[in-house]
PDB file of N, CA and C in Angstrom:
ATOM      1  N   MET A   1     -64.904  21.421   3.521  1.00  0.00           N
ATOM      2  CA  MET A   1     -65.232  20.109   3.223  1.00  0.00           C
ATOM      3  C   MET A   1     -65.356  19.052   4.507  1.00  0.00           C
ATOM      4  N   ASN A   2     -66.573  18.584   4.698  1.00  0.00           N
ATOM      5  CA  ASN A   2     -66.780  17.716   5.705  1.00  0.00           C
ATOM      6  C   ASN A   2     -66.902  16.293   5.109  1.00  0.00           C
ATOM      7  N   TYR A   3     -66.751  15.177   5.925  1.00  0.00           N
ATOM      8  CA  TYR A   3     -66.821  13.722   5.542  1.00  0.00           C
ATOM      9  C   TYR A   3     -67.564  13.062   6.512  1.00  0.00           C
ATOM     10  N   GLY A   4     -68.300  11.902   6.050  1.00  0.00           N
ATOM     11  CA  GLY A   4     -69.182  11.442   7.020  1.00  0.00           C
ATOM     12  C   GLY A   4     -69.668  10.129   6.310  1.00  0.00           C
ATOM     13  N   THR A   5     -70.813   9.587   6.745  1.00  0.00           N
ATOM     14  CA  THR A   5     -71.458   8.394   6.461  1.00  0.00           C
ATOM     15  C   THR A   5     -72.916   8.655   6.317  1.00  0.00           C
ATOM     16  N   VAL A   6     -73.661   8.205   5.115  1.00  0.00           N
ATOM     17  CA  VAL A   6     -75.028   8.200   5.376  1.00  0.00           C
ATOM     18  C   VAL A   6     -75.690   7.272   6.245  1.00  0.00           C
ATOM     19  N   LYS A   7     -76.295   7.711   7.346  1.00  0.00           N
ATOM     20  CA  LYS A   7     -76.902   7.203   8.417  1.00  0.00           C
ATOM     21  C   LYS A   7     -78.400   6.681   7.883  1.00  0.00           C
ATOM     22  N   LEU A   8     -79.040   7.482   7.338  1.00  0.00           N
ATOM     23  CA  LEU A   8     -80.357   7.143   7.134  1.00  0.00           C
ATOM     24  C   LEU A   8     -80.630   7.656   5.503  1.00  0.00           C
ATOM     25  N   TRP A   9     -81.437   6.959   4.609  1.00  0.00           N
ATOM     26  CA  TRP A   9     -81.722   7.238   3.410  1.00  0.00           C
ATOM     27  C   TRP A   9     -83.240   6.828   2.856  1.00  0.00           C
ATOM     28  N   LYS A  10     -83.845   7.880   2.758  1.00  0.00           N
ATOM     29  CA  LYS A  10     -85.391   7.593   2.324  1.00  0.00           C
ATOM     30  C   LYS A  10     -85.756   7.683   0.944  1.00  0.00           C
ATOM     31  N   ASN A  11     -85.235   6.675   0.048  1.00  0.00           N
ATOM     32  CA  ASN A  11     -85.012   7.044  -1.450  1.00  0.00           C
ATOM     33  C   ASN A  11     -86.474   7.274  -1.814  1.00  0.00           C
ATOM     34  N   LEU A  12     -87.632   7.033  -1.550  1.00  0.00           N
ATOM     35  CA  LEU A  12     -89.088   7.203  -2.164  1.00  0.00           C
ATOM     36  C   LEU A  12     -88.862   8.777  -1.828  1.00  0.00           C
ATOM     37  N   GLU A  13     -88.827   9.272  -0.543  1.00  0.00           N
ATOM     38  CA  GLU A  13     -88.927  10.568  -0.070  1.00  0.00           C
ATOM     39  C   GLU A  13     -88.070  11.459  -0.407  1.00  0.00           C
ATOM     40  N   GLY A  14     -86.774  11.047  -0.950  1.00  0.00           N
ATOM     41  CA  GLY A  14     -85.542  12.028  -1.435  1.00  0.00           C
ATOM     42  C   GLY A  14     -85.048  12.411  -0.426  1.00  0.00           C
ATOM     43  N   TRP A  15     -84.837  12.232   0.816  1.00  0.00           N
ATOM     44  CA  TRP A  15     -84.154  12.897   1.901  1.00  0.00           C
ATOM     45  C   TRP A  15     -83.528  11.731   3.015  1.00  0.00           C
ATOM     46  N   GLY A  16     -82.556  12.490   3.525  1.00  0.00           N
ATOM     47  CA  GLY A  16     -82.081  11.340   4.686  1.00  0.00           C
ATOM     48  C   GLY A  16     -80.967  12.236   5.516  1.00  0.00           C
ATOM     49  N   PHE A  17     -80.102  11.448   6.305  1.00  0.00           N
ATOM     50  CA  PHE A  17     -79.036  12.072   7.193  1.00  0.00           C
ATOM     51  C   PHE A  17     -77.963  11.650   7.303  1.00  0.00           C
ATOM     52  N   ILE A  18     -76.854  12.398   7.381  1.00  0.00           N
ATOM     53  CA  ILE A  18     -75.543  12.126   7.104  1.00  0.00           C
ATOM     54  C   ILE A  18     -74.889  12.160   8.726  1.00  0.00           C
ATOM     55  N   GLU A  19     -74.016  11.389   9.161  1.00  0.00           N
ATOM     56  CA  GLU A  19     -73.291  11.316  10.260  1.00  0.00           C
ATOM     57  C   GLU A  19     -72.029  11.732  10.117  1.00  0.00           C
ATOM     58  N   ALA A  20     -71.642  12.953  10.413  1.00  0.00           N
ATOM     59  CA  ALA A  20     -70.300  13.554  10.239  1.00  0.00           C
ATOM     60  C   ALA A  20     -69.110  12.759  10.884  1.00  0.00           C
ATOM     61  N   GLU A  21     -67.968  12.927  10.446  1.00  0.00           N
ATOM     62  CA  GLU A  21     -66.752  12.223  11.213  1.00  0.00           C
ATOM     63  C   GLU A  21     -66.820  12.899  12.971  1.00  0.00           C
ATOM     64  N   ASP A  22     -67.245  14.016  13.037  1.00  0.00           N
ATOM     65  CA  ASP A  22     -67.354  14.603  14.213  1.00  0.00           C
ATOM     66  C   ASP A  22     -68.289  14.167  15.131  1.00  0.00           C
ATOM     67  N   GLY A  23     -69.480  13.293  14.535  1.00  0.00           N
ATOM     68  CA  GLY A  23     -70.537  12.645  15.289  1.00  0.00           C
ATOM     69  C   GLY A  23     -71.769  13.492  14.906  1.00  0.00           C
ATOM     70  N   GLU A  24     -71.731  14.644  14.605  1.00  0.00           N
ATOM     71  CA  GLU A  24     -72.906  15.377  14.310  1.00  0.00           C
ATOM     72  C   GLU A  24     -73.741  14.955  13.059  1.00  0.00           C
ATOM     73  N   ASP A  25     -75.051  15.208  13.300  1.00  0.00           N
ATOM     74  CA  ASP A  25     -76.085  14.339  12.106  1.00  0.00           C
ATOM     75  C   ASP A  25     -76.524  15.541  11.473  1.00  0.00           C
ATOM     76  N   TYR A  26     -76.342  15.473   9.954  1.00  0.00           N
ATOM     77  CA  TYR A  26     -76.958  16.437   9.121  1.00  0.00           C
ATOM     78  C   TYR A  26     -78.074  16.123   8.217  1.00  0.00           C
ATOM     79  N   PHE A  27     -79.266  16.583   7.777  1.00  0.00           N
ATOM     80  CA  PHE A  27     -80.305  16.262   6.993  1.00  0.00           C
ATOM     81  C   PHE A  27     -79.597  16.747   5.760  1.00  0.00           C
ATOM     82  N   PHE A  28     -80.204  16.146   4.801  1.00  0.00           N
ATOM     83  CA  PHE A  28     -79.849  16.381   3.389  1.00  0.00           C
ATOM     84  C   PHE A  28     -81.018  16.088   2.527  1.00  0.00           C
ATOM     85  N   ASN A  29     -81.086  16.670   1.271  1.00  0.00           N
ATOM     86  CA  ASN A  29     -82.099  16.372   0.465  1.00  0.00           C
ATOM     87  C   ASN A  29     -81.490  16.118  -1.034  1.00  0.00           C
ATOM     88  N   ILE A  30     -82.377  15.182  -1.684  1.00  0.00           N
ATOM     89  CA  ILE A  30     -81.891  14.705  -2.940  1.00  0.00           C
ATOM     90  C   ILE A  30     -81.319  15.862  -3.946  1.00  0.00           C
ATOM     91  N   SER A  31     -81.971  16.836  -3.737  1.00  0.00           N
ATOM     92  CA  SER A  31     -81.458  18.131  -4.684  1.00  0.00           C
ATOM     93  C   SER A  31     -79.893  18.625  -4.147  1.00  0.00           C
ATOM     94  N   SER A  32     -79.373  18.396  -3.027  1.00  0.00           N
ATOM     95  CA  SER A  32     -78.023  18.552  -2.588  1.00  0.00           C
ATOM     96  C   SER A  32     -76.968  17.466  -3.078  1.00  0.00           C
ATOM     97  N   VAL A  33     -77.439  16.414  -3.844  1.00  0.00           N
ATOM     98  CA  VAL A  33     -76.715  15.170  -3.988  1.00  0.00           C
ATOM     99  C   VAL A  33     -76.059  15.646  -5.611  1.00  0.00           C
ATOM    100  N   ARG A  34     -74.870  15.377  -5.651  1.00  0.00           N
ATOM    101  CA  ARG A  34     -74.261  15.780  -6.931  1.00  0.00           C
ATOM    102  C   ARG A  34     -75.020  14.709  -8.130  1.00  0.00           C
ATOM    103  N   LYS A  35     -75.367  15.496  -9.272  1.00  0.00           N
ATOM    104  CA  LYS A  35     -76.168  14.648 -10.419  1.00  0.00           C
ATOM    105  C   LYS A  35     -75.314  13.674 -10.697  1.00  0.00           C
ATOM    106  N   GLY A  36     -76.113  12.310 -11.130  1.00  0.00           N
ATOM    107  CA  GLY A  36     -75.558  11.158 -11.506  1.00  0.00           C
ATOM    108  C   GLY A  36     -75.320  10.162 -10.488  1.00  0.00           C
ATOM    109  N   GLN A  37     -75.065  10.687  -9.165  1.00  0.00           N
ATOM    110  CA  GLN A  37     -74.741   9.612  -7.911  1.00  0.00           C
ATOM    111  C   GLN A  37     -75.818   9.041  -7.332  1.00  0.00           C
ATOM    112  N   SER A  38     -75.913   7.921  -7.000  1.00  0.00           N
ATOM    113  CA  SER A  38     -76.926   7.004  -6.317  1.00  0.00           C
ATOM    114  C   SER A  38     -76.511   7.031  -4.838  1.00  0.00           C
ATOM    115  N   ILE A  39     -77.319   7.699  -4.163  1.00  0.00           N
ATOM    116  CA  ILE A  39     -77.054   7.521  -2.662  1.00  0.00           C
ATOM    117  C   ILE A  39     -77.656   6.256  -1.945  1.00  0.00           C
ATOM    118  N   ARG A  40     -76.984   5.589  -1.084  1.00  0.00           N
ATOM    119  CA  ARG A  40     -77.472   4.489  -0.305  1.00  0.00           C
ATOM    120  C   ARG A  40     -76.993   4.443   1.332  1.00  0.00           C
ATOM    121  N   GLU A  41     -77.738   3.948   2.162  1.00  0.00           N
ATOM    122  CA  GLU A  41     -77.402   3.821   3.394  1.00  0.00           C
ATOM    123  C   GLU A  41     -75.689   3.479   3.570  1.00  0.00           C
ATOM    124  N   HIS A  42     -75.068   3.949   4.434  1.00  0.00           N
ATOM    125  CA  HIS A  42     -73.576   3.450   4.795  1.00  0.00           C
ATOM    126  C   HIS A  42     -72.945   3.839   3.774  1.00  0.00           C
ATOM    127  N   ALA A  43     -73.329   4.773   2.895  1.00  0.00           N
ATOM    128  CA  ALA A  43     -72.028   5.060   1.781  1.00  0.00           C
ATOM    129  C   ALA A  43     -71.329   6.332   2.478  1.00  0.00           C
ATOM    130  N   LYS A  44     -69.832   6.414   2.031  1.00  0.00           N
ATOM    131  CA  LYS A  44     -69.121   7.346   2.448  1.00  0.00           C
ATOM    132  C   LYS A  44     -69.143   8.550   1.484  1.00  0.00           C
ATOM    133  N   VAL A  45     -69.527   9.942   2.190  1.00  0.00           N
ATOM    134  CA  VAL A  45     -69.621  11.022   1.498  1.00  0.00           C
ATOM    135  C   VAL A  45     -68.766  12.166   1.866  1.00  0.00           C
ATOM    136  N   LYS A  46     -68.764  13.078   1.079  1.00  0.00           N
ATOM    137  CA  LYS A  46     -68.328  14.460   1.516  1.00  0.00           C
ATOM    138  C   LYS A  46     -69.316  15.362   1.152  1.00  0.00           C
ATOM    139  N   PHE A  47     -69.147  16.346   1.911  1.00  0.00           N
ATOM    140  CA  PHE A  47     -70.254  17.409   1.972  1.00  0.00           C
ATOM    141  C   PHE A  47     -69.739  19.035   2.529  1.00  0.00           C
ATOM    142  N   ASP A  48     -70.622  19.972   2.099  1.00  0.00           N
ATOM    143  CA  ASP A  48     -70.601  21.216   2.870  1.00  0.00           C
ATOM    144  C   ASP A  48     -71.728  21.434   3.556  1.00  0.00           C
ATOM    145  N   THR A  49     -71.711  22.264   4.452  1.00  0.00           N
ATOM    146  CA  THR A  49     -72.840  22.678   5.473  1.00  0.00           C
ATOM    147  C   THR A  49     -73.453  24.019   5.094  1.00  0.00           C
ATOM    148  N   GLU A  50     -74.610  24.243   5.409  1.00  0.00           N
ATOM    149  CA  GLU A  50     -75.306  25.321   5.222  1.00  0.00           C
ATOM    150  C   GLU A  50     -76.350  25.655   6.230  1.00  0.00           C
ATOM    151  N   GLU A  51     -76.336  27.022   7.057  1.00  0.00           N
ATOM    152  CA  GLU A  51     -77.457  27.099   8.141  1.00  0.00           C
ATOM    153  C   GLU A  51     -78.770  27.399   7.656  1.00  0.00           C
ATOM    154  N   THR A  52     -79.637  26.859   7.850  1.00  0.00           N
ATOM    155  CA  THR A  52     -80.868  27.080   7.503  1.00  0.00           C
ATOM    156  C   THR A  52     -81.800  27.624   8.692  1.00  0.00           C
ATOM    157  N   SER A  53     -83.146  27.776   8.500  1.00  0.00           N
ATOM    158  CA  SER A  53     -83.993  28.125   9.387  1.00  0.00           C
ATOM    159  C   SER A  53     -84.432  26.902  10.466  1.00  0.00           C
ATOM    160  N   LYS A  54     -84.096  25.697   9.809  1.00  0.00           N
ATOM    161  CA  LYS A  54     -84.291  24.457  10.498  1.00  0.00           C
ATOM    162  C   LYS A  54     -83.200  23.792  11.219  1.00  0.00           C
ATOM    163  N   GLY A  55     -81.991  24.545  11.180  1.00  0.00           N
ATOM    164  CA  GLY A  55     -80.871  24.281  11.597  1.00  0.00           C
ATOM    165  C   GLY A  55     -79.756  23.652  10.226  1.00  0.00           C
ATOM    166  N   PRO A  56     -78.403  23.273  10.607  1.00  0.00           N
ATOM    167  CA  PRO A  56     -77.610  22.921   9.522  1.00  0.00           C
ATOM    168  C   PRO A  56     -78.065  21.717   8.943  1.00  0.00           C
ATOM    169  N   GLN A  57     -77.775  21.917   7.346  1.00  0.00           N
ATOM    170  CA  GLN A  57     -78.192  20.918   6.663  1.00  0.00           C
ATOM    171  C   GLN A  57     -76.726  20.706   5.823  1.00  0.00           C
ATOM    172  N   ALA A  58     -76.723  19.426   5.079  1.00  0.00           N
ATOM    173  CA  ALA A  58     -75.574  19.087   4.344  1.00  0.00           C
ATOM    174  C   ALA A  58     -75.965  19.421   2.965  1.00  0.00           C
ATOM    175  N   VAL A  59     -74.918  20.065   1.990  1.00  0.00           N
ATOM    176  CA  VAL A  59     -75.033  20.543   0.802  1.00  0.00           C
ATOM    177  C   VAL A  59     -74.175  19.902  -0.025  1.00  0.00           C
ATOM    178  N   ASN A  60     -74.074  19.943  -1.301  1.00  0.00           N
ATOM    179  CA  ASN A  60     -73.151  19.619  -2.203  1.00  0.00           C
ATOM    180  C   ASN A  60     -72.496  18.204  -1.977  1.00  0.00           C
ATOM    181  N   VAL A  61     -73.431  17.558  -1.667  1.00  0.00           N
ATOM    182  CA  VAL A  61     -73.325  16.045  -1.246  1.00  0.00           C
ATOM    183  C   VAL A  61     -72.647  15.104  -2.440  1.00  0.00           C
ATOM    184  N   SER A  62     -71.548  14.379  -2.217  1.00  0.00           N
ATOM    185  CA  SER A  62     -71.165  13.541  -3.332  1.00  0.00           C
ATOM    186  C   SER A  62     -70.169  12.288  -2.565  1.00  0.00           C
ATOM    187  N   LEU A  63     -70.129  11.373  -3.334  1.00  0.00           N
ATOM    188  CA  LEU A  63     -69.754  10.123  -2.862  1.00  0.00           C
ATOM    189  C   LEU A  63     -68.213  10.162  -3.001  1.00  0.00           C
ATOM    190  N   THR A  64     -67.598   9.478  -1.790  1.00  0.00           N
ATOM    191  CA  THR A  64     -66.188   9.514  -1.740  1.00  0.00           C
ATOM    192  C   THR A  64     -65.499   8.393  -2.403  1.00  0.00           C
TER     193      THR A  64
END
């Protein structure tokens, strides 16, 4: 499990980036966010990572 802060969130498009505690940025999509949770910039989150063809992405994102 990783922890970080939502660095950028494009609500209309449904995607954003999380800055992890180690300084790495991870892309995530609204489909990776736990149902019923509202994401906003600067929110503290926890997440897992998954390697994709476009690089590492955040999955199983939830508010802390």
